[in-house]
C-alpha atoms as a PDB file:
ATOM      1  CA  UNK A   1      10.192   0.579 -24.930  1.00  0.00           C
ATOM      2  CA  UNK A   2      10.253   0.627 -21.136  1.00  0.00           C
ATOM      3  CA  UNK A   3      12.816   1.458 -18.519  1.00  0.00           C
ATOM      4  CA  UNK A   4      14.229  -1.759 -17.035  1.00  0.00           C
ATOM      5  CA  UNK A   5      14.929  -1.922 -13.305  1.00  0.00           C
ATOM      6  CA  UNK A   6      17.250  -4.901 -12.929  1.00  0.00           C
ATOM      7  CA  UNK A   7      16.872  -5.133  -9.158  1.00  0.00           C
ATOM      8  CA  UNK A   8      14.405  -3.517  -6.802  1.00  0.00           C
ATOM      9  CA  UNK A   9      12.735  -4.356  -3.504  1.00  0.00           C
ATOM     10  CA  UNK A  10       9.725  -2.136  -4.234  1.00  0.00           C
ATOM     11  CA  UNK A  11       6.994  -2.902  -6.759  1.00  0.00           C
ATOM     12  CA  UNK A  12       5.700   0.456  -8.029  1.00  0.00           C
ATOM     13  CA  UNK A  13       3.246  -0.862 -10.651  1.00  0.00           C
ATOM     14  CA  UNK A  14       4.591   1.750 -13.078  1.00  0.00           C
ATOM     15  CA  UNK A  15       3.476   1.204 -16.685  1.00  0.00           C
ATOM     16  CA  UNK A  16       6.731   2.759 -17.920  1.00  0.00           C
ATOM     17  CA  UNK A  17       9.069   0.406 -16.014  1.00  0.00           C
ATOM     18  CA  UNK A  18       9.749  -3.300 -16.306  1.00  0.00           C
ATOM     19  CA  UNK A  19      10.653  -4.099 -12.705  1.00  0.00           C
ATOM     20  CA  UNK A  20      12.476  -7.226 -11.604  1.00  0.00           C
ATOM     21  CA  UNK A  21      11.317  -7.288  -7.990  1.00  0.00           C
ATOM     22  CA  UNK A  22      13.433  -9.171  -5.466  1.00  0.00           C
ATOM     23  CA  UNK A  23      11.492 -11.810  -3.522  1.00  0.00           C
ATOM     24  CA  UNK A  24      12.421 -14.251  -0.782  1.00  0.00           C
ATOM     25  CA  UNK A  25      11.048 -17.777  -0.251  1.00  0.00           C
ATOM     26  CA  UNK A  26       9.478 -16.797   3.079  1.00  0.00           C
ATOM     27  CA  UNK A  27       8.252 -13.364   1.941  1.00  0.00           C
ATOM     28  CA  UNK A  28       6.467 -13.870  -1.353  1.00  0.00           C
ATOM     29  CA  UNK A  29       3.681 -12.162  -3.277  1.00  0.00           C
ATOM     30  CA  UNK A  30       2.117 -13.750  -6.350  1.00  0.00           C
ATOM     31  CA  UNK A  31       0.742 -10.357  -7.392  1.00  0.00           C
ATOM     32  CA  UNK A  32       4.134  -9.248  -8.762  1.00  0.00           C
ATOM     33  CA  UNK A  33       4.329  -9.893 -12.530  1.00  0.00           C
ATOM     34  CA  UNK A  34       8.153 -10.114 -12.908  1.00  0.00           C
ATOM     35  CA  UNK A  35      10.428 -11.146 -10.098  1.00  0.00           C
ATOM     36  CA  UNK A  36      13.570 -12.909  -9.001  1.00  0.00           C
ATOM     37  CA  UNK A  37      13.726 -15.239  -6.032  1.00  0.00           C
ATOM     38  CA  UNK A  38      16.640 -16.553  -4.020  1.00  0.00           C
ATOM     39  CA  UNK A  39      18.288 -17.037  -0.653  1.00  0.00           C
ATOM     40  CA  UNK A  40      20.278 -13.922   0.179  1.00  0.00           C
ATOM     41  CA  UNK A  41      23.425 -14.786   2.155  1.00  0.00           C
ATOM     42  CA  UNK A  42      22.287 -12.418   4.923  1.00  0.00           C
ATOM     43  CA  UNK A  43      19.108 -14.447   5.368  1.00  0.00           C
ATOM     44  CA  UNK A  44      20.428 -17.997   5.396  1.00  0.00           C
ATOM     45  CA  UNK A  45      18.554 -20.006   8.021  1.00  0.00           C
ATOM     46  CA  UNK A  46      20.034 -23.429   8.672  1.00  0.00           C
ATOM     47  CA  UNK A  47      16.609 -24.677   9.745  1.00  0.00           C
ATOM     48  CA  UNK A  48      14.848 -23.762   6.495  1.00  0.00           C
ATOM     49  CA  UNK A  49      17.422 -24.173   3.707  1.00  0.00           C
ATOM     50  CA  UNK A  50      15.860 -27.312   2.234  1.00  0.00           C
ATOM     51  CA  UNK A  51      12.351 -25.892   2.347  1.00  0.00           C
ATOM     52  CA  UNK A  52      13.549 -22.595   0.852  1.00  0.00           C
ATOM     53  CA  UNK A  53      15.220 -24.467  -2.010  1.00  0.00           C
ATOM     54  CA  UNK A  54      11.987 -26.351  -2.703  1.00  0.00           C
ATOM     55  CA  UNK A  55      10.071 -23.064  -2.879  1.00  0.00           C
ATOM     56  CA  UNK A  56      12.675 -21.508  -5.174  1.00  0.00           C
ATOM     57  CA  UNK A  57      12.538 -24.529  -7.461  1.00  0.00           C
ATOM     58  CA  UNK A  58       8.755 -24.313  -7.689  1.00  0.00           C
ATOM     59  CA  UNK A  59       8.900 -20.602  -8.559  1.00  0.00           C
ATOM     60  CA  UNK A  60      11.667 -21.011 -11.133  1.00  0.00           C
ATOM     61  CA  UNK A  61       9.279 -23.168 -13.140  1.00  0.00           C
ATOM     62  CA  UNK A  62       6.924 -20.177 -13.576  1.00  0.00           C
ATOM     63  CA  UNK A  63       7.198 -17.603 -16.375  1.00  0.00           C
ATOM     64  CA  UNK A  64       6.714 -14.745 -13.887  1.00  0.00           C
ATOM     65  CA  UNK A  65       9.960 -15.751 -12.190  1.00  0.00           C
ATOM     66  CA  UNK A  66      12.558 -14.442 -14.593  1.00  0.00           C
ATOM     67  CA  UNK A  67      15.749 -14.853 -12.557  1.00  0.00           C
ATOM     68  CA  UNK A  68      17.375 -16.568  -9.609  1.00  0.00           C
ATOM     69  CA  UNK A  69      18.485 -14.135  -6.914  1.00  0.00           C
ATOM     70  CA  UNK A  70      19.488 -12.204  -5.313  1.00  0.00           C
ATOM     71  CA  UNK A  71      21.898 -14.811  -4.072  1.00  0.00           C
ATOM     72  CA  UNK A  72      25.639 -14.979  -3.665  1.00  0.00           C
ATOM     73  CA  UNK A  73      28.468 -14.561  -1.170  1.00  0.00           C
ATOM     74  CA  UNK A  74      29.432 -11.972   1.446  1.00  0.00           C
ATOM     75  CA  UNK A  75      32.633 -12.085   3.494  1.00  0.00           C
ATOM     76  CA  UNK A  76      31.595  -9.164   5.681  1.00  0.00           C
ATOM     77  CA  UNK A  77      28.805 -10.895   7.563  1.00  0.00           C
ATOM     78  CA  UNK A  78      28.772 -13.440  10.367  1.00  0.00           C
ATOM     79  CA  UNK A  79      27.271 -16.296   8.353  1.00  0.00           C
ATOM     80  CA  UNK A  80      29.712 -19.207   8.036  1.00  0.00           C
ATOM     81  CA  UNK A  81      31.338 -18.778   4.629  1.00  0.00           C
ATOM     82  CA  UNK A  82      31.388 -22.473   3.739  1.00  0.00           C
ATOM     83  CA  UNK A  83      27.644 -22.558   4.405  1.00  0.00           C
ATOM     84  CA  UNK A  84      27.167 -19.541   2.158  1.00  0.00           C
ATOM     85  CA  UNK A  85      29.016 -21.334  -0.650  1.00  0.00           C
ATOM     86  CA  UNK A  86      26.975 -24.517  -0.195  1.00  0.00           C
ATOM     87  CA  UNK A  87      23.676 -22.603  -0.259  1.00  0.00           C
ATOM     88  CA  UNK A  88      24.784 -20.563  -3.282  1.00  0.00           C
ATOM     89  CA  UNK A  89      25.865 -23.661  -5.220  1.00  0.00           C
ATOM     90  CA  UNK A  90      22.645 -25.480  -4.287  1.00  0.00           C
ATOM     91  CA  UNK A  91      20.666 -22.640  -5.812  1.00  0.00           C
ATOM     92  CA  UNK A  92      22.784 -22.650  -8.968  1.00  0.00           C
ATOM     93  CA  UNK A  93      22.150 -26.393  -9.307  1.00  0.00           C
ATOM     94  CA  UNK A  94      18.440 -25.642  -9.792  1.00  0.00           C
ATOM     95  CA  UNK A  95      19.228 -23.779 -13.014  1.00  0.00           C
ATOM     96  CA  UNK A  96      20.256 -26.973 -14.776  1.00  0.00           C
ATOM     97  CA  UNK A  97      16.544 -27.797 -14.831  1.00  0.00           C
ATOM     98  CA  UNK A  98      15.249 -24.224 -15.114  1.00  0.00           C
ATOM     99  CA  UNK A  99      17.870 -22.153 -16.961  1.00  0.00           C
ATOM    100  CA  UNK A 100      17.423 -18.505 -16.020  1.00  0.00           C
ATOM    101  CA  UNK A 101      19.753 -15.563 -15.311  1.00  0.00           C
ATOM    102  CA  UNK A 102      21.330 -15.082 -11.887  1.00  0.00           C
ATOM    103  CA  UNK A 103      21.214 -11.759  -9.989  1.00  0.00           C
ATOM    104  CA  UNK A 104      24.144 -11.715  -7.614  1.00  0.00           C
ATOM    105  CA  UNK A 105      24.966 -10.196  -4.258  1.00  0.00           C
ATOM    106  CA  UNK A 106      28.760 -10.224  -4.024  1.00  0.00           C
ATOM    107  CA  UNK A 107      30.824  -8.615  -1.257  1.00  0.00           C
ATOM    108  CA  UNK A 108      34.595  -9.229  -1.117  1.00  0.00           C
ATOM    109  CA  UNK A 109      33.950 -12.545  -2.909  1.00  0.00           C
ATOM    110  CA  UNK A 110      34.530 -11.968  -6.609  1.00  0.00           C
ATOM    111  CA  UNK A 111      37.118 -14.746  -7.015  1.00  0.00           C
ATOM    112  CA  UNK A 112      34.815 -17.189  -5.249  1.00  0.00           C
ATOM    113  CA  UNK A 113      31.757 -16.192  -7.299  1.00  0.00           C
ATOM    114  CA  UNK A 114      33.770 -16.602 -10.502  1.00  0.00           C
ATOM    115  CA  UNK A 115      34.886 -20.041  -9.299  1.00  0.00           C
ATOM    116  CA  UNK A 116      31.301 -21.049  -8.489  1.00  0.00           C
ATOM    117  CA  UNK A 117      30.188 -19.897 -11.937  1.00  0.00           C
ATOM    118  CA  UNK A 118      32.878 -21.992 -13.608  1.00  0.00           C
ATOM    119  CA  UNK A 119      32.160 -25.037 -11.452  1.00  0.00           C
ATOM    120  CA  UNK A 120      28.434 -24.834 -12.156  1.00  0.00           C
ATOM    121  CA  UNK A 121      29.021 -25.242 -15.911  1.00  0.00           C
ATOM    122  CA  UNK A 122      25.913 -23.172 -16.470  1.00  0.00           C
ATOM    123  CA  UNK A 123      25.263 -21.156 -19.599  1.00  0.00           C
ATOM    124  CA  UNK A 124      22.937 -18.841 -17.650  1.00  0.00           C
ATOM    125  CA  UNK A 125      23.905 -15.142 -17.603  1.00  0.00           C
ATOM    126  CA  UNK A 126      25.350 -13.925 -14.303  1.00  0.00           C
ATOM    127  CA  UNK A 127      24.689 -10.301 -13.282  1.00  0.00           C
ATOM    128  CA  UNK A 128      26.449  -8.548 -10.387  1.00  0.00           C
ATOM    129  CA  UNK A 129      23.913  -6.158  -8.916  1.00  0.00           C
ATOM    130  CA  UNK A 130      24.951  -2.900  -7.252  1.00  0.00           C
ATOM    131  CA  UNK A 131      28.455  -2.929  -8.725  1.00  0.00           C
ATOM    132  CA  UNK A 132      30.764  -0.535  -6.860  1.00  0.00           C
ATOM    133  CA  UNK A 133      34.342  -1.615  -7.507  1.00  0.00           C
ATOM    134  CA  UNK A 134      37.249  -0.422  -9.636  1.00  0.00           C
ATOM    135  CA  UNK A 135      38.002  -1.019 -13.302  1.00  0.00           C
ATOM    136  CA  UNK A 136      40.349  -3.908 -12.545  1.00  0.00           C
ATOM    137  CA  UNK A 137      37.572  -5.859 -10.808  1.00  0.00           C
ATOM    138  CA  UNK A 138      35.133  -4.901 -13.560  1.00  0.00           C
ATOM    139  CA  UNK A 139      37.483  -6.249 -16.236  1.00  0.00           C
ATOM    140  CA  UNK A 140      38.020  -9.452 -14.229  1.00  0.00           C
ATOM    141  CA  UNK A 141      34.261 -10.017 -14.234  1.00  0.00           C
ATOM    142  CA  UNK A 142      33.739  -8.970 -17.840  1.00  0.00           C
ATOM    143  CA  UNK A 143      36.446 -11.404 -18.925  1.00  0.00           C
ATOM    144  CA  UNK A 144      34.319 -14.152 -17.338  1.00  0.00           C
ATOM    145  CA  UNK A 145      31.202 -12.928 -19.207  1.00  0.00           C
ATOM    146  CA  UNK A 146      29.449 -11.312 -16.244  1.00  0.00           C
ATOM    147  CA  UNK A 147      27.058  -8.396 -16.659  1.00  0.00           C
ATOM    148  CA  UNK A 148      27.224  -5.449 -14.249  1.00  0.00           C
ATOM    149  CA  UNK A 149      24.266  -3.552 -12.838  1.00  0.00           C
ATOM    150  CA  UNK A 150      24.733  -0.018 -11.482  1.00  0.00           C
ATOM    151  CA  UNK A 151      22.582   2.111  -9.204  1.00  0.00           C
ATOM    152  CA  UNK A 152      23.211   3.534  -5.742  1.00  0.00           C
ATOM    153  CA  UNK A 153      26.995   3.645  -5.929  1.00  0.00           C
ATOM    154  CA  UNK A 154      27.005   5.150  -9.407  1.00  0.00           C
ATOM    155  CA  UNK A 155      25.015   8.104  -8.059  1.00  0.00           C
ATOM    156  CA  UNK A 156      27.141   8.530  -4.939  1.00  0.00           C
ATOM    157  CA  UNK A 157      30.715   7.694  -5.964  1.00  0.00           C
ATOM    158  CA  UNK A 158      32.347  10.001  -8.563  1.00  0.00           C
ATOM    159  CA  UNK A 159      35.147   7.492  -9.174  1.00  0.00           C
ATOM    160  CA  UNK A 160      32.622   4.864 -10.240  1.00  0.00           C
ATOM    161  CA  UNK A 161      31.425   7.166 -13.018  1.00  0.00           C
ATOM    162  CA  UNK A 162      34.817   6.749 -14.658  1.00  0.00           C
ATOM    163  CA  UNK A 163      34.503   2.976 -14.407  1.00  0.00           C
ATOM    164  CA  UNK A 164      30.970   3.025 -15.807  1.00  0.00           C
ATOM    165  CA  UNK A 165      32.120   4.976 -18.879  1.00  0.00           C
ATOM    166  CA  UNK A 166      34.431   2.113 -19.813  1.00  0.00           C
ATOM    167  CA  UNK A 167      31.974  -0.768 -19.394  1.00  0.00           C
ATOM    168  CA  UNK A 168      30.824  -2.078 -22.784  1.00  0.00           C
ATOM    169  CA  UNK A 169      27.231  -1.047 -23.425  1.00  0.00           C
ATOM    170  CA  UNK A 170      26.137  -4.633 -24.006  1.00  0.00           C
ATOM    171  CA  UNK A 171      27.134  -5.540 -20.409  1.00  0.00           C
ATOM    172  CA  UNK A 172      25.227  -2.769 -18.592  1.00  0.00           C
ATOM    173  CA  UNK A 173      22.098  -2.873 -16.449  1.00  0.00           C
ATOM    174  CA  UNK A 174      20.636  -0.210 -14.150  1.00  0.00           C
ATOM    175  CA  UNK A 175      18.714  -0.561 -10.893  1.00  0.00           C
ATOM    176  CA  UNK A 176      17.365   1.182  -7.811  1.00  0.00           C
ATOM    177  CA  UNK A 177      17.644  -1.599  -5.208  1.00  0.00           C
ATOM    178  CA  UNK A 178      16.447   0.225  -2.068  1.00  0.00           C
ATOM    179  CA  UNK A 179      17.492   3.837  -2.779  1.00  0.00           C
ATOM    180  CA  UNK A 180      15.157   6.803  -2.499  1.00  0.00           C
ATOM    181  CA  UNK A 181      16.139   8.147  -5.913  1.00  0.00           C
ATOM    182  CA  UNK A 182      13.920   7.199  -8.849  1.00  0.00           C
ATOM    183  CA  UNK A 183      14.937   4.889 -11.667  1.00  0.00           C
ATOM    184  CA  UNK A 184      14.656   7.838 -14.054  1.00  0.00           C
ATOM    185  CA  UNK A 185      17.286   9.651 -11.990  1.00  0.00           C
ATOM    186  CA  UNK A 186      19.597   6.655 -12.287  1.00  0.00           C
ATOM    187  CA  UNK A 187      19.108   6.536 -16.067  1.00  0.00           C
ATOM    188  CA  UNK A 188      19.633  10.292 -16.393  1.00  0.00           C
ATOM    189  CA  UNK A 189      22.903  10.150 -14.472  1.00  0.00           C
ATOM    190  CA  UNK A 190      24.080   7.037 -16.353  1.00  0.00           C
ATOM    191  CA  UNK A 191      23.312   8.671 -19.709  1.00  0.00           C
ATOM    192  CA  UNK A 192      25.297  11.754 -18.681  1.00  0.00           C
ATOM    193  CA  UNK A 193      28.274   9.538 -17.775  1.00  0.00           C
ATOM    194  CA  UNK A 194      28.185   7.950 -21.217  1.00  0.00           C
ATOM    195  CA  UNK A 195      27.490  11.300 -22.920  1.00  0.00           C
ATOM    196  CA  UNK A 196      24.335   9.967 -24.555  1.00  0.00           C
ATOM    197  CA  UNK A 197      20.624  10.725 -24.254  1.00  0.00           C
ATOM    198  CA  UNK A 198      18.299   9.048 -21.766  1.00  0.00           C
ATOM    199  CA  UNK A 199      16.448   7.461 -24.687  1.00  0.00           C
ATOM    200  CA  UNK A 200      19.709   5.962 -25.932  1.00  0.00           C
ATOM    201  CA  UNK A 201      20.421   4.603 -22.468  1.00  0.00           C
ATOM    202  CA  UNK A 202      16.923   3.132 -22.308  1.00  0.00           C
ATOM    203  CA  UNK A 203      17.518   1.407 -25.637  1.00  0.00           C
ATOM    204  CA  UNK A 204      20.864  -0.025 -24.475  1.00  0.00           C
ATOM    205  CA  UNK A 205      19.429  -1.524 -21.302  1.00  0.00           C
ATOM    206  CA  UNK A 206      16.244  -2.678 -23.026  1.00  0.00           C
ATOM    207  CA  UNK A 207      18.277  -4.502 -25.676  1.00  0.00           C
ATOM    208  CA  UNK A 208      20.410  -6.087 -22.960  1.00  0.00           C
ATOM    209  CA  UNK A 209      17.276  -7.226 -21.187  1.00  0.00           C
ATOM    210  CA  UNK A 210      15.957  -8.781 -24.385  1.00  0.00           C
ATOM    211  CA  UNK A 211      19.237 -10.628 -24.900  1.00  0.00           C
ATOM    212  CA  UNK A 212      19.883 -11.803 -21.339  1.00  0.00           C
ATOM    213  CA  UNK A 213      16.297 -12.750 -20.519  1.00  0.00           C
ATOM    214  CA  UNK A 214      15.441 -14.166 -23.953  1.00  0.00           C
ATOM    215  CA  UNK A 215      14.495 -17.556 -22.515  1.00  0.00           C
ATOM    216  CA  UNK A 216      11.557 -15.906 -20.770  1.00  0.00           C
ATOM    217  CA  UNK A 217       9.914 -14.540 -23.921  1.00  0.00           C
END
């Protein structure tokens, strides 16, 4: 049983970690065995949206591509918000042909992401990566069947530890994203929050991976 890194930008080639490496349509390596691909709202380029969507569609058809993302919505950037929504929904539309989980970037946009999920009528699992909000927001997302992935903010924000304790085990993922700390450090801290062993935490996340990504087996 391996560690699972739900979202990382660095492929370490570690035999002990199943890494879901974030890739972009215009920055892609076919040497990565498990990856997600999507248009991040920060990187929307009006001149390449259609071409990017074609590339994403072609990759979603491959078994190595195990998720769409990261994609989503961000109210704290300069990109026109209506454009962000259109690009996000266009990516979700691809999952009707290639049903795979969605790894989400969501900043100040939880109501909108929930609305997009409902409107898509997809059965694909939706996972908020880098969750950092309070228990009220967590419950709002859990009530809509989202999964929550924790990493950087769990290590740095003591208040988030209290939130993490109350998240049902079957809804948890762990990640490194771009932090300097190792995945093992994230798992060790998460296990301490839940008052369980690291091996128990590994089993929880591994089982969640098997359930959420079952269509890729």
